[in-house]
Amino acid sequence: MTQIVELSEAAAYQVKEMMTHNEEQGSFLRVAVHGGGCSGLSYGMGFEREKNDTDTILEQHGLTILVSSEDQAIINGTVIDYKQSLMGGGFTIENPNAIASCGCGSSFTTATKKGTPENC
């Protein structure tokens, strides 16, 4: 069965490091979709202390991940990884539902949700 969101071990390690650095131990990791970006939708990740009644709760690599019911269909099957290179590191997001994305890779469009594109 496909997870709504799959966090790689490297991404989970980086999230835990960020939690420690920002004194957010015990918080949830929220993975979300927001309107905006060149293609209309953009990803969001952040720490939250409270969960909502409509959230799906996922447990991966010792982290509790929250996804709102509104965002589930848009990001179902998404894989979040963390890659390190000589130029630094960053999260990568592979969403099988994205049919178009902008050149910088931070915004996208799906067949069922276009969002609100902004000028880049």
N, C-alpha and C. Protein backbone atom coordinates (compact mmCIF):
# COMPACT_ATOMS: atom_id res chain seq x y z
N MET A 1 0.83 -1.18 0.00
CA MET A 1 0.00 0.00 0.00
C MET A 1 0.88 1.26 0.00
N THR A 2 0.55 2.21 -0.83
CA THR A 2 1.31 3.44 -0.95
C THR A 2 0.98 4.38 0.21
N GLN A 3 2.01 4.95 0.80
CA GLN A 3 1.82 5.96 1.83
C GLN A 3 1.41 7.27 1.16
N ILE A 4 0.70 8.11 1.88
CA ILE A 4 0.38 9.44 1.37
C ILE A 4 1.69 10.17 1.12
N VAL A 5 2.58 10.15 2.10
CA VAL A 5 3.90 10.75 2.01
C VAL A 5 4.90 9.75 2.54
N GLU A 6 6.00 9.57 1.82
CA GLU A 6 7.07 8.69 2.29
C GLU A 6 8.31 9.54 2.52
N LEU A 7 8.79 9.52 3.73
CA LEU A 7 9.99 10.27 4.11
C LEU A 7 11.17 9.31 4.10
N SER A 8 12.22 9.65 3.35
CA SER A 8 13.40 8.80 3.34
C SER A 8 14.11 8.89 4.69
N GLU A 9 15.00 7.95 4.92
CA GLU A 9 15.77 7.96 6.16
C GLU A 9 16.63 9.23 6.26
N ALA A 10 17.21 9.65 5.13
CA ALA A 10 18.05 10.85 5.11
C ALA A 10 17.21 12.09 5.43
N ALA A 11 16.00 12.17 4.87
CA ALA A 11 15.12 13.31 5.14
C ALA A 11 14.69 13.32 6.60
N ALA A 12 14.36 12.15 7.14
CA ALA A 12 13.95 12.06 8.55
C ALA A 12 15.09 12.50 9.46
N TYR A 13 16.31 12.10 9.15
CA TYR A 13 17.47 12.50 9.95
C TYR A 13 17.61 14.02 9.94
N GLN A 14 17.47 14.63 8.76
CA GLN A 14 17.60 16.07 8.64
C GLN A 14 16.49 16.79 9.40
N VAL A 15 15.26 16.28 9.32
CA VAL A 15 14.14 16.88 10.05
C VAL A 15 14.40 16.81 11.56
N LYS A 16 14.90 15.67 12.03
CA LYS A 16 15.21 15.54 13.46
C LYS A 16 16.30 16.52 13.89
N GLU A 17 17.31 16.71 13.03
CA GLU A 17 18.36 17.69 13.32
C GLU A 17 17.78 19.09 13.42
N MET A 18 16.87 19.42 12.51
CA MET A 18 16.23 20.74 12.52
C MET A 18 15.35 20.90 13.77
N MET A 19 14.68 19.84 14.15
CA MET A 19 13.85 19.88 15.36
C MET A 19 14.70 20.20 16.59
N THR A 20 15.84 19.54 16.68
CA THR A 20 16.74 19.77 17.81
C THR A 20 17.27 21.20 17.78
N HIS A 21 17.72 21.63 16.62
CA HIS A 21 18.28 22.98 16.47
C HIS A 21 17.26 24.07 16.82
N ASN A 22 16.01 23.85 16.45
CA ASN A 22 14.95 24.84 16.68
C ASN A 22 14.15 24.58 17.96
N GLU A 23 14.64 23.64 18.79
CA GLU A 23 13.97 23.28 20.04
C GLU A 23 12.51 22.91 19.82
N GLU A 24 12.29 22.05 18.83
CA GLU A 24 10.94 21.60 18.47
C GLU A 24 10.74 20.11 18.75
N GLN A 25 11.58 19.51 19.62
CA GLN A 25 11.42 18.10 19.93
C GLN A 25 9.99 17.88 20.45
N GLY A 26 9.38 16.80 20.03
CA GLY A 26 8.02 16.50 20.44
C GLY A 26 6.97 17.10 19.52
N SER A 27 7.39 17.91 18.56
CA SER A 27 6.45 18.50 17.61
C SER A 27 6.13 17.49 16.50
N PHE A 28 5.09 17.79 15.76
CA PHE A 28 4.74 17.02 14.57
C PHE A 28 5.35 17.70 13.36
N LEU A 29 5.63 16.93 12.31
CA LEU A 29 6.05 17.48 11.03
C LEU A 29 4.81 17.57 10.14
N ARG A 30 4.43 18.78 9.75
CA ARG A 30 3.30 18.94 8.84
C ARG A 30 3.83 19.07 7.42
N VAL A 31 3.29 18.23 6.51
CA VAL A 31 3.57 18.33 5.09
C VAL A 31 2.29 18.85 4.45
N ALA A 32 2.41 19.96 3.72
CA ALA A 32 1.21 20.64 3.22
C ALA A 32 1.41 21.15 1.80
N VAL A 33 0.31 21.60 1.23
CA VAL A 33 0.30 22.23 -0.09
C VAL A 33 -0.35 23.60 0.08
N HIS A 34 0.29 24.61 -0.52
CA HIS A 34 -0.22 25.98 -0.48
C HIS A 34 -0.39 26.49 -1.90
N GLY A 35 -1.29 27.43 -2.10
CA GLY A 35 -1.42 28.09 -3.39
C GLY A 35 -0.24 29.02 -3.61
N GLY A 36 0.18 29.17 -4.85
CA GLY A 36 1.26 30.10 -5.17
C GLY A 36 2.37 29.44 -5.94
N GLY A 37 3.43 30.18 -6.16
CA GLY A 37 4.54 29.69 -6.96
C GLY A 37 4.25 29.87 -8.44
N CYS A 38 5.24 29.64 -9.27
CA CYS A 38 5.10 29.84 -10.71
C CYS A 38 4.02 28.96 -11.33
N SER A 39 3.88 27.73 -10.81
CA SER A 39 2.94 26.77 -11.40
C SER A 39 1.60 26.72 -10.69
N GLY A 40 1.46 27.39 -9.55
CA GLY A 40 0.15 27.46 -8.90
C GLY A 40 0.06 26.82 -7.53
N LEU A 41 0.86 25.79 -7.27
CA LEU A 41 0.86 25.13 -5.96
C LEU A 41 2.30 25.00 -5.48
N SER A 42 2.50 25.07 -4.18
CA SER A 42 3.84 24.87 -3.64
C SER A 42 3.75 24.02 -2.38
N TYR A 43 4.86 23.36 -2.07
CA TYR A 43 4.93 22.48 -0.91
C TYR A 43 5.30 23.28 0.33
N GLY A 44 4.87 22.79 1.46
CA GLY A 44 5.27 23.37 2.73
C GLY A 44 5.56 22.28 3.74
N MET A 45 6.58 22.50 4.55
CA MET A 45 6.89 21.60 5.66
C MET A 45 7.19 22.47 6.86
N GLY A 46 6.65 22.10 8.00
CA GLY A 46 6.91 22.87 9.20
C GLY A 46 6.55 22.08 10.44
N PHE A 47 6.89 22.62 11.58
CA PHE A 47 6.63 21.96 12.85
C PHE A 47 5.37 22.51 13.49
N GLU A 48 4.58 21.62 14.06
CA GLU A 48 3.35 22.01 14.75
C GLU A 48 3.23 21.22 16.04
N ARG A 49 2.66 21.83 17.04
CA ARG A 49 2.45 21.19 18.34
C ARG A 49 1.07 20.55 18.44
N GLU A 50 0.11 21.01 17.62
CA GLU A 50 -1.27 20.52 17.68
C GLU A 50 -1.64 19.83 16.37
N LYS A 51 -2.45 18.79 16.47
CA LYS A 51 -2.98 18.16 15.26
C LYS A 51 -4.46 18.50 15.16
N ASN A 52 -4.97 18.47 13.94
CA ASN A 52 -6.39 18.74 13.68
C ASN A 52 -7.16 17.45 13.54
N ASP A 53 -8.45 17.51 13.76
CA ASP A 53 -9.31 16.32 13.65
C ASP A 53 -9.29 15.73 12.24
N THR A 54 -9.03 16.56 11.23
CA THR A 54 -9.06 16.09 9.84
C THR A 54 -7.69 15.64 9.33
N ASP A 55 -6.69 15.64 10.20
CA ASP A 55 -5.34 15.22 9.79
C ASP A 55 -5.21 13.71 9.72
N THR A 56 -4.47 13.24 8.75
CA THR A 56 -4.00 11.86 8.73
C THR A 56 -2.65 11.86 9.43
N ILE A 57 -2.44 10.89 10.29
CA ILE A 57 -1.22 10.81 11.07
C ILE A 57 -0.39 9.63 10.56
N LEU A 58 0.85 9.91 10.20
CA LEU A 58 1.77 8.89 9.71
C LEU A 58 2.96 8.82 10.67
N GLU A 59 3.46 7.62 10.90
CA GLU A 59 4.65 7.41 11.73
C GLU A 59 5.74 6.84 10.84
N GLN A 60 6.86 7.57 10.71
CA GLN A 60 7.98 7.10 9.90
C GLN A 60 9.29 7.51 10.52
N HIS A 61 10.20 6.57 10.66
CA HIS A 61 11.56 6.83 11.14
C HIS A 61 11.57 7.62 12.46
N GLY A 62 10.61 7.33 13.33
CA GLY A 62 10.56 8.01 14.62
C GLY A 62 9.95 9.39 14.58
N LEU A 63 9.36 9.77 13.46
CA LEU A 63 8.69 11.07 13.33
C LEU A 63 7.19 10.87 13.15
N THR A 64 6.41 11.81 13.66
CA THR A 64 4.98 11.82 13.42
C THR A 64 4.70 12.90 12.39
N ILE A 65 4.11 12.49 11.27
CA ILE A 65 3.86 13.38 10.14
C ILE A 65 2.36 13.62 10.04
N LEU A 66 1.97 14.88 9.85
CA LEU A 66 0.57 15.25 9.68
C LEU A 66 0.33 15.70 8.25
N VAL A 67 -0.79 15.23 7.67
CA VAL A 67 -1.23 15.68 6.35
C VAL A 67 -2.72 15.95 6.46
N SER A 68 -3.15 17.16 6.08
CA SER A 68 -4.57 17.49 6.16
C SER A 68 -5.35 16.70 5.12
N SER A 69 -6.62 16.45 5.39
CA SER A 69 -7.46 15.71 4.45
C SER A 69 -7.57 16.45 3.12
N GLU A 70 -7.49 17.77 3.16
CA GLU A 70 -7.57 18.59 1.94
C GLU A 70 -6.37 18.37 1.02
N ASP A 71 -5.20 18.08 1.60
CA ASP A 71 -3.97 17.93 0.81
C ASP A 71 -3.68 16.49 0.39
N GLN A 72 -4.37 15.53 0.95
CA GLN A 72 -4.03 14.12 0.72
C GLN A 72 -4.03 13.72 -0.74
N ALA A 73 -5.10 14.04 -1.47
CA ALA A 73 -5.18 13.61 -2.87
C ALA A 73 -4.10 14.28 -3.72
N ILE A 74 -3.71 15.48 -3.37
CA ILE A 74 -2.72 16.23 -4.15
C ILE A 74 -1.33 15.65 -3.99
N ILE A 75 -1.00 15.15 -2.79
CA ILE A 75 0.36 14.67 -2.54
C ILE A 75 0.44 13.16 -2.30
N ASN A 76 -0.63 12.43 -2.56
CA ASN A 76 -0.62 10.99 -2.33
C ASN A 76 0.48 10.32 -3.14
N GLY A 77 1.34 9.57 -2.45
CA GLY A 77 2.44 8.86 -3.11
C GLY A 77 3.73 9.67 -3.20
N THR A 78 3.75 10.86 -2.61
CA THR A 78 4.92 11.73 -2.68
C THR A 78 6.07 11.18 -1.84
N VAL A 79 7.29 11.27 -2.38
CA VAL A 79 8.49 10.84 -1.68
C VAL A 79 9.35 12.07 -1.40
N ILE A 80 9.70 12.25 -0.12
CA ILE A 80 10.55 13.37 0.29
C ILE A 80 11.90 12.80 0.70
N ASP A 81 12.95 13.32 0.09
CA ASP A 81 14.31 12.87 0.37
C ASP A 81 15.16 14.09 0.72
N TYR A 82 16.34 13.85 1.23
CA TYR A 82 17.30 14.91 1.50
C TYR A 82 18.60 14.53 0.83
N LYS A 83 19.12 15.42 0.00
CA LYS A 83 20.36 15.14 -0.73
C LYS A 83 21.42 16.16 -0.35
N GLN A 84 22.64 15.67 -0.17
CA GLN A 84 23.78 16.51 0.18
C GLN A 84 24.74 16.51 -1.00
N SER A 85 25.26 17.68 -1.36
CA SER A 85 26.25 17.78 -2.43
C SER A 85 27.31 18.80 -2.04
N LEU A 86 28.26 19.02 -2.93
CA LEU A 86 29.31 20.01 -2.66
C LEU A 86 28.73 21.42 -2.53
N MET A 87 27.58 21.66 -3.13
CA MET A 87 26.94 22.97 -3.10
C MET A 87 26.02 23.13 -1.89
N GLY A 88 25.94 22.12 -1.05
CA GLY A 88 25.05 22.17 0.11
C GLY A 88 24.02 21.07 0.03
N GLY A 89 22.99 21.18 0.84
CA GLY A 89 21.98 20.14 0.87
C GLY A 89 20.59 20.72 0.75
N GLY A 90 19.64 19.86 0.46
CA GLY A 90 18.27 20.31 0.37
C GLY A 90 17.31 19.14 0.23
N PHE A 91 16.05 19.42 0.53
CA PHE A 91 15.01 18.42 0.38
C PHE A 91 14.61 18.33 -1.08
N THR A 92 14.32 17.11 -1.53
CA THR A 92 13.77 16.89 -2.86
C THR A 92 12.40 16.26 -2.68
N ILE A 93 11.48 16.63 -3.55
CA ILE A 93 10.10 16.13 -3.45
C ILE A 93 9.70 15.58 -4.80
N GLU A 94 9.33 14.29 -4.82
CA GLU A 94 8.86 13.65 -6.03
C GLU A 94 7.39 13.31 -5.85
N ASN A 95 6.54 14.03 -6.57
CA ASN A 95 5.10 13.87 -6.47
C ASN A 95 4.57 13.26 -7.76
N PRO A 96 4.06 12.02 -7.70
CA PRO A 96 3.56 11.38 -8.92
C PRO A 96 2.32 12.05 -9.49
N ASN A 97 1.68 12.92 -8.73
CA ASN A 97 0.46 13.61 -9.19
C ASN A 97 0.76 14.90 -9.93
N ALA A 98 2.00 15.40 -9.84
CA ALA A 98 2.37 16.65 -10.50
C ALA A 98 2.48 16.41 -12.01
N ILE A 99 1.75 17.21 -12.78
CA ILE A 99 1.81 17.08 -14.24
C ILE A 99 2.67 18.18 -14.86
N ALA A 100 2.96 19.22 -14.08
CA ALA A 100 3.82 20.31 -14.54
C ALA A 100 4.48 20.93 -13.33
N SER A 101 5.69 21.42 -13.50
CA SER A 101 6.36 22.14 -12.42
C SER A 101 7.16 23.27 -13.02
N CYS A 102 7.55 24.21 -12.18
CA CYS A 102 8.33 25.35 -12.66
C CYS A 102 9.80 24.95 -12.78
N GLY A 103 10.57 25.79 -13.39
CA GLY A 103 11.99 25.51 -13.61
C GLY A 103 12.77 25.34 -12.32
N CYS A 104 12.39 26.06 -11.28
CA CYS A 104 13.13 25.95 -10.01
C CYS A 104 12.70 24.73 -9.21
N GLY A 105 11.60 24.08 -9.60
CA GLY A 105 11.17 22.85 -8.96
C GLY A 105 10.44 23.02 -7.65
N SER A 106 10.10 24.25 -7.28
CA SER A 106 9.44 24.44 -5.99
C SER A 106 7.93 24.60 -6.09
N SER A 107 7.40 24.66 -7.30
CA SER A 107 5.94 24.70 -7.43
C SER A 107 5.50 23.75 -8.52
N PHE A 108 4.20 23.41 -8.50
CA PHE A 108 3.70 22.37 -9.39
C PHE A 108 2.21 22.55 -9.66
N THR A 109 1.68 21.74 -10.56
CA THR A 109 0.26 21.68 -10.89
C THR A 109 -0.11 20.21 -11.00
N THR A 110 -1.33 19.86 -10.58
CA THR A 110 -1.82 18.49 -10.79
C THR A 110 -2.97 18.56 -11.79
N ALA A 111 -3.43 17.41 -12.26
CA ALA A 111 -4.53 17.37 -13.22
C ALA A 111 -5.82 17.90 -12.61
N THR A 112 -5.97 17.75 -11.29
CA THR A 112 -7.23 18.15 -10.66
C THR A 112 -7.14 19.45 -9.88
N LYS A 113 -5.94 19.96 -9.66
CA LYS A 113 -5.79 21.19 -8.85
C LYS A 113 -4.73 22.07 -9.49
N LYS A 114 -5.13 23.25 -9.91
CA LYS A 114 -4.22 24.17 -10.58
C LYS A 114 -3.59 25.20 -9.64
N GLY A 115 -4.29 25.55 -8.55
CA GLY A 115 -3.75 26.57 -7.64
C GLY A 115 -3.85 27.95 -8.24
N THR A 116 -3.03 28.86 -7.73
CA THR A 116 -3.01 30.24 -8.18
C THR A 116 -1.58 30.62 -8.55
N PRO A 117 -1.23 30.52 -9.85
CA PRO A 117 0.14 30.86 -10.26
C PRO A 117 0.48 32.31 -9.96
N GLU A 118 1.74 32.53 -9.60
CA GLU A 118 2.26 33.87 -9.37
C GLU A 118 3.42 34.11 -10.31
N ASN A 119 3.77 35.34 -10.52
CA ASN A 119 4.95 35.66 -11.33
C ASN A 119 6.20 35.31 -10.55
N CYS A 120 7.17 34.72 -11.23
CA CYS A 120 8.44 34.37 -10.58
C CYS A 120 9.48 35.44 -10.81
